[in-house]
Amino acid sequence: MKDISEKLLCKAQRLDTKEWVTGYYFEQPVMACIGPAPEPLCYLMVRDPSYLPDWGLPFNMKAVSVDNNTVCMSAGIYAMGGELLFEGDIVKTADGICTGEIRLEDQADGSRKVTVHWFSEDGETIPDEDALIWKNESGVQLWYVGQKEGGV
C-alpha cells in the first residue's frame, strides 16, 4: 500500500453520467416531516481540475452525487498494471487461467480482509479445497480486467 488514505478511497457511479469516479465517501441524511425518512443522499468528494477551490483550499475538490448501490471500497492493493483495486473488481492471474472477484470480508475484530473469489474459464466458482495454489493470494500476480457489472 502506497498511502494509508488509499484504504479510505471509494469508487462509485455518478448519478448523472454513470461514469465511475474515485473519491472519499460521505452521505447526507434527508429529513422527512411526514412518513419514514428516505435513504440518505450519497456523495464522493472527488478532484476536479475545472473546479476552483474556495477559501484557499489546497485541492480542487467537489462533491459528486453517486449511486449508493455501486459504492466500492478500496482494497488497498494494486494490480500488476498499477491500478488500485476496489471491491467488485475483476482480476485474472498472470497465466490467465483463473479469474476472480475482489471482495472485502468483515472480520470478528471489526477489520476487513481482502480476499479473491476465484472462478474457472466457464464461470463456475472454484471451491477453496480445489484451489489450493491460490490460498496464498499475496504471492499471486493479479491483472485488472474490469468492474463487476452493476457494482458490488
C-alpha atoms as a PDB file:
ATOM      1  CA  MET A   1       0.000   0.000   0.000  1.00  0.00           C
ATOM      2  CA  LYS A   2       1.470   3.340  -1.039  1.00  0.00           C
ATOM      3  CA  ASP A   3      -0.562   5.572   1.256  1.00  0.00           C
ATOM      4  CA  ILE A   4      -2.972   4.918   4.150  1.00  0.00           C
ATOM      5  CA  SER A   5      -5.540   7.227   2.518  1.00  0.00           C
ATOM      6  CA  GLU A   6      -5.870   4.678  -0.313  1.00  0.00           C
ATOM      7  CA  LYS A   7      -7.641   2.365   2.160  1.00  0.00           C
ATOM      8  CA  LEU A   8     -10.238   5.096   2.660  1.00  0.00           C
ATOM      9  CA  LEU A   9     -10.908   5.671  -1.036  1.00  0.00           C
ATOM     10  CA  CYS A  10     -14.107   4.511  -2.696  1.00  0.00           C
ATOM     11  CA  LYS A  11     -15.329   4.384  -6.252  1.00  0.00           C
ATOM     12  CA  ALA A  12     -18.899   4.588  -7.475  1.00  0.00           C
ATOM     13  CA  GLN A  13     -21.014   5.516 -10.480  1.00  0.00           C
ATOM     14  CA  ARG A  14     -22.141   9.120 -10.795  1.00  0.00           C
ATOM     15  CA  LEU A  15     -25.911   9.559 -10.807  1.00  0.00           C
ATOM     16  CA  ASP A  16     -25.859  11.992 -13.728  1.00  0.00           C
ATOM     17  CA  THR A  17     -23.402  10.401 -16.214  1.00  0.00           C
ATOM     18  CA  LYS A  18     -22.985   6.823 -14.880  1.00  0.00           C
ATOM     19  CA  GLU A  19     -19.211   7.417 -15.104  1.00  0.00           C
ATOM     20  CA  TRP A  20     -17.073   5.667 -12.445  1.00  0.00           C
ATOM     21  CA  VAL A  21     -15.338   8.177 -10.130  1.00  0.00           C
ATOM     22  CA  THR A  22     -12.908   7.751  -7.249  1.00  0.00           C
ATOM     23  CA  GLY A  23     -13.062   9.794  -4.071  1.00  0.00           C
ATOM     24  CA  TYR A  24     -13.954   9.883  -0.403  1.00  0.00           C
ATOM     25  CA  TYR A  25     -17.462   8.756   0.567  1.00  0.00           C
ATOM     26  CA  PHE A  26     -19.909  10.723   2.674  1.00  0.00           C
ATOM     27  CA  GLU A  27     -23.671  10.839   2.967  1.00  0.00           C
ATOM     28  CA  GLN A  28     -26.213  13.451   3.890  1.00  0.00           C
ATOM     29  CA  PRO A  29     -29.325  12.353   5.794  1.00  0.00           C
ATOM     30  CA  VAL A  30     -32.626  13.579   4.385  1.00  0.00           C
ATOM     31  CA  MET A  31     -35.137  14.896   6.882  1.00  0.00           C
ATOM     32  CA  ALA A  32     -38.787  13.948   6.399  1.00  0.00           C
ATOM     33  CA  CYS A  33     -41.666  15.654   8.180  1.00  0.00           C
ATOM     34  CA  ILE A  34     -44.216  13.012   7.226  1.00  0.00           C
ATOM     35  CA  GLY A  35     -43.574   9.293   6.872  1.00  0.00           C
ATOM     36  CA  PRO A  36     -40.319   7.380   7.103  1.00  0.00           C
ATOM     37  CA  ALA A  37     -37.058   9.141   6.278  1.00  0.00           C
ATOM     38  CA  PRO A  38     -35.793   8.387   2.757  1.00  0.00           C
ATOM     39  CA  GLU A  39     -32.369   6.922   2.038  1.00  0.00           C
ATOM     40  CA  PRO A  40     -29.533   9.424   2.624  1.00  0.00           C
ATOM     41  CA  LEU A  41     -28.005  11.262  -0.329  1.00  0.00           C
ATOM     42  CA  CYS A  42     -24.615   9.701  -1.189  1.00  0.00           C
ATOM     43  CA  TYR A  43     -21.583  11.600  -2.451  1.00  0.00           C
ATOM     44  CA  LEU A  44     -17.934  11.130  -3.272  1.00  0.00           C
ATOM     45  CA  MET A  45     -15.536  14.013  -2.741  1.00  0.00           C
ATOM     46  CA  VAL A  46     -13.501  13.974  -5.969  1.00  0.00           C
ATOM     47  CA  ARG A  47     -10.711  16.029  -7.506  1.00  0.00           C
ATOM     48  CA  ASP A  48     -11.923  18.272 -10.297  1.00  0.00           C
ATOM     49  CA  PRO A  49      -9.393  20.428 -12.172  1.00  0.00           C
ATOM     50  CA  SER A  50     -12.190  22.615 -13.606  1.00  0.00           C
ATOM     51  CA  TYR A  51     -13.497  23.462 -10.122  1.00  0.00           C
ATOM     52  CA  LEU A  52     -11.862  26.422  -8.383  1.00  0.00           C
ATOM     53  CA  PRO A  53     -11.407  25.875  -4.645  1.00  0.00           C
ATOM     54  CA  ASP A  54     -12.761  28.401  -2.204  1.00  0.00           C
ATOM     55  CA  TRP A  55     -11.029  29.815   0.860  1.00  0.00           C
ATOM     56  CA  GLY A  56      -7.592  28.823  -0.374  1.00  0.00           C
ATOM     57  CA  LEU A  57      -8.162  25.076  -0.035  1.00  0.00           C
ATOM     58  CA  PRO A  58      -5.183  23.123  -1.384  1.00  0.00           C
ATOM     59  CA  PHE A  59      -7.105  20.818  -3.740  1.00  0.00           C
ATOM     60  CA  ASN A  60      -9.777  21.301  -6.358  1.00  0.00           C
ATOM     61  CA  MET A  61     -12.431  19.095  -4.758  1.00  0.00           C
ATOM     62  CA  LYS A  62     -16.178  18.903  -5.201  1.00  0.00           C
ATOM     63  CA  ALA A  63     -18.991  16.620  -4.080  1.00  0.00           C
ATOM     64  CA  VAL A  64     -20.433  14.367  -6.782  1.00  0.00           C
ATOM     65  CA  SER A  65     -23.762  12.547  -6.313  1.00  0.00           C
ATOM     66  CA  VAL A  66     -23.303   8.785  -6.675  1.00  0.00           C
ATOM     67  CA  ASP A  67     -25.477   5.681  -6.747  1.00  0.00           C
ATOM     68  CA  ASN A  68     -25.179   4.125  -3.271  1.00  0.00           C
ATOM     69  CA  ASN A  69     -25.630   0.632  -4.764  1.00  0.00           C
ATOM     70  CA  THR A  70     -22.367   0.978  -6.698  1.00  0.00           C
ATOM     71  CA  VAL A  71     -20.074   2.247  -3.908  1.00  0.00           C
ATOM     72  CA  CYS A  72     -16.934   0.070  -3.664  1.00  0.00           C
ATOM     73  CA  MET A  73     -14.240   0.439  -1.008  1.00  0.00           C
ATOM     74  CA  SER A  74     -10.558   0.336  -1.881  1.00  0.00           C
ATOM     75  CA  ALA A  75      -8.811  -2.965  -1.187  1.00  0.00           C
ATOM     76  CA  GLY A  76      -5.519  -1.108  -0.671  1.00  0.00           C
ATOM     77  CA  ILE A  77      -3.684  -3.408  -3.121  1.00  0.00           C
ATOM     78  CA  TYR A  78      -2.524  -2.909  -6.693  1.00  0.00           C
ATOM     79  CA  ALA A  79      -2.791  -4.984  -9.852  1.00  0.00           C
ATOM     80  CA  MET A  80       0.344  -5.625 -11.930  1.00  0.00           C
ATOM     81  CA  GLY A  81      -0.589  -2.764 -14.279  1.00  0.00           C
ATOM     82  CA  GLY A  82      -0.563  -0.307 -11.366  1.00  0.00           C
ATOM     83  CA  GLU A  83      -4.343   0.011 -10.953  1.00  0.00           C
ATOM     84  CA  LEU A  84      -5.614   0.380  -7.387  1.00  0.00           C
ATOM     85  CA  LEU A  85      -8.090  -2.453  -6.794  1.00  0.00           C
ATOM     86  CA  PHE A  86     -11.554  -1.997  -5.277  1.00  0.00           C
ATOM     87  CA  GLU A  87     -14.126  -4.500  -4.051  1.00  0.00           C
ATOM     88  CA  GLY A  88     -16.068  -5.857  -7.011  1.00  0.00           C
ATOM     89  CA  ASP A  89     -13.126  -5.511  -9.410  1.00  0.00           C
ATOM     90  CA  ILE A  90     -12.499  -8.476 -11.686  1.00  0.00           C
ATOM     91  CA  VAL A  91      -8.893  -9.722 -11.878  1.00  0.00           C
ATOM     92  CA  LYS A  92      -7.011 -12.523 -13.647  1.00  0.00           C
ATOM     93  CA  THR A  93      -3.911 -14.427 -12.686  1.00  0.00           C
ATOM     94  CA  ALA A  94      -0.778 -13.665 -14.709  1.00  0.00           C
ATOM     95  CA  ASP A  95      -1.126 -17.007 -16.544  1.00  0.00           C
ATOM     96  CA  GLY A  96      -4.771 -16.177 -17.369  1.00  0.00           C
ATOM     97  CA  ILE A  97      -6.081 -19.494 -16.044  1.00  0.00           C
ATOM     98  CA  CYS A  98      -8.289 -18.117 -13.267  1.00  0.00           C
ATOM     99  CA  THR A  99     -10.492 -15.076 -12.996  1.00  0.00           C
ATOM    100  CA  GLY A 100     -11.538 -13.709  -9.620  1.00  0.00           C
ATOM    101  CA  GLU A 101     -13.540 -11.004  -7.913  1.00  0.00           C
ATOM    102  CA  ILE A 102     -12.019  -8.821  -5.194  1.00  0.00           C
ATOM    103  CA  ARG A 103     -14.083  -8.936  -2.001  1.00  0.00           C
ATOM    104  CA  LEU A 104     -13.723  -7.314   1.398  1.00  0.00           C
ATOM    105  CA  GLU A 105     -14.960  -9.593   4.162  1.00  0.00           C
ATOM    106  CA  ASP A 106     -15.824  -8.354   7.660  1.00  0.00           C
ATOM    107  CA  GLN A 107     -13.786  -9.950  10.436  1.00  0.00           C
ATOM    108  CA  ALA A 108     -14.814 -10.573  14.064  1.00  0.00           C
ATOM    109  CA  ASP A 109     -12.452  -7.821  15.294  1.00  0.00           C
ATOM    110  CA  GLY A 110     -14.178  -5.212  13.102  1.00  0.00           C
ATOM    111  CA  SER A 111     -11.488  -5.146  10.399  1.00  0.00           C
ATOM    112  CA  ARG A 112     -11.982  -6.163   6.781  1.00  0.00           C
ATOM    113  CA  LYS A 113      -9.922  -8.791   4.963  1.00  0.00           C
ATOM    114  CA  VAL A 114      -9.208  -8.672   1.230  1.00  0.00           C
ATOM    115  CA  THR A 115      -9.994 -11.973  -0.495  1.00  0.00           C
ATOM    116  CA  VAL A 116     -10.304 -13.092  -4.093  1.00  0.00           C
ATOM    117  CA  HIS A 117     -13.174 -15.393  -5.029  1.00  0.00           C
ATOM    118  CA  TRP A 118     -11.872 -17.444  -7.952  1.00  0.00           C
ATOM    119  CA  PHE A 119     -13.814 -18.666 -10.996  1.00  0.00           C
ATOM    120  CA  SER A 120     -12.851 -21.046 -13.798  1.00  0.00           C
ATOM    121  CA  GLU A 121     -12.997 -20.138 -17.508  1.00  0.00           C
ATOM    122  CA  ASP A 122     -16.638 -21.285 -17.698  1.00  0.00           C
ATOM    123  CA  GLY A 123     -17.646 -19.023 -14.775  1.00  0.00           C
ATOM    124  CA  GLU A 124     -18.009 -21.773 -12.172  1.00  0.00           C
ATOM    125  CA  THR A 125     -16.781 -20.973  -8.649  1.00  0.00           C
ATOM    126  CA  ILE A 126     -13.576 -22.776  -7.715  1.00  0.00           C
ATOM    127  CA  PRO A 127     -14.008 -24.167  -4.165  1.00  0.00           C
ATOM    128  CA  ASP A 128     -11.149 -23.434  -1.738  1.00  0.00           C
ATOM    129  CA  GLU A 129     -10.226 -27.119  -1.443  1.00  0.00           C
ATOM    130  CA  ASP A 130      -9.788 -27.337  -5.242  1.00  0.00           C
ATOM    131  CA  ALA A 131      -7.824 -24.092  -5.473  1.00  0.00           C
ATOM    132  CA  LEU A 132      -5.026 -24.800  -3.016  1.00  0.00           C
ATOM    133  CA  ILE A 133      -2.459 -22.968  -5.144  1.00  0.00           C
ATOM    134  CA  TRP A 134      -4.500 -19.763  -4.821  1.00  0.00           C
ATOM    135  CA  LYS A 135      -4.598 -19.871  -0.994  1.00  0.00           C
ATOM    136  CA  ASN A 136      -1.516 -17.629  -0.773  1.00  0.00           C
ATOM    137  CA  GLU A 137      -3.064 -14.733  -2.685  1.00  0.00           C
ATOM    138  CA  SER A 138      -0.374 -12.316  -1.546  1.00  0.00           C
ATOM    139  CA  GLY A 139       2.061 -14.147  -3.848  1.00  0.00           C
ATOM    140  CA  VAL A 140      -0.247 -14.215  -6.891  1.00  0.00           C
ATOM    141  CA  GLN A 141       0.227 -11.600  -9.592  1.00  0.00           C
ATOM    142  CA  LEU A 142      -3.162 -10.070 -10.378  1.00  0.00           C
ATOM    143  CA  TRP A 143      -4.107  -8.257 -13.573  1.00  0.00           C
ATOM    144  CA  TYR A 144      -7.065  -5.853 -13.593  1.00  0.00           C
ATOM    145  CA  VAL A 145      -9.836  -6.897 -16.011  1.00  0.00           C
ATOM    146  CA  GLY A 146     -12.695  -4.545 -15.137  1.00  0.00           C
ATOM    147  CA  GLN A 147     -15.504  -3.675 -12.740  1.00  0.00           C
ATOM    148  CA  LYS A 148     -18.259  -6.167 -11.956  1.00  0.00           C
ATOM    149  CA  GLU A 149     -21.417  -5.207 -13.843  1.00  0.00           C
ATOM    150  CA  GLY A 150     -23.810  -3.194 -11.675  1.00  0.00           C
ATOM    151  CA  GLY A 151     -21.283  -2.597  -8.903  1.00  0.00           C
ATOM    152  CA  VAL A 152     -20.945  -4.620  -5.726  1.00  0.00           C
END
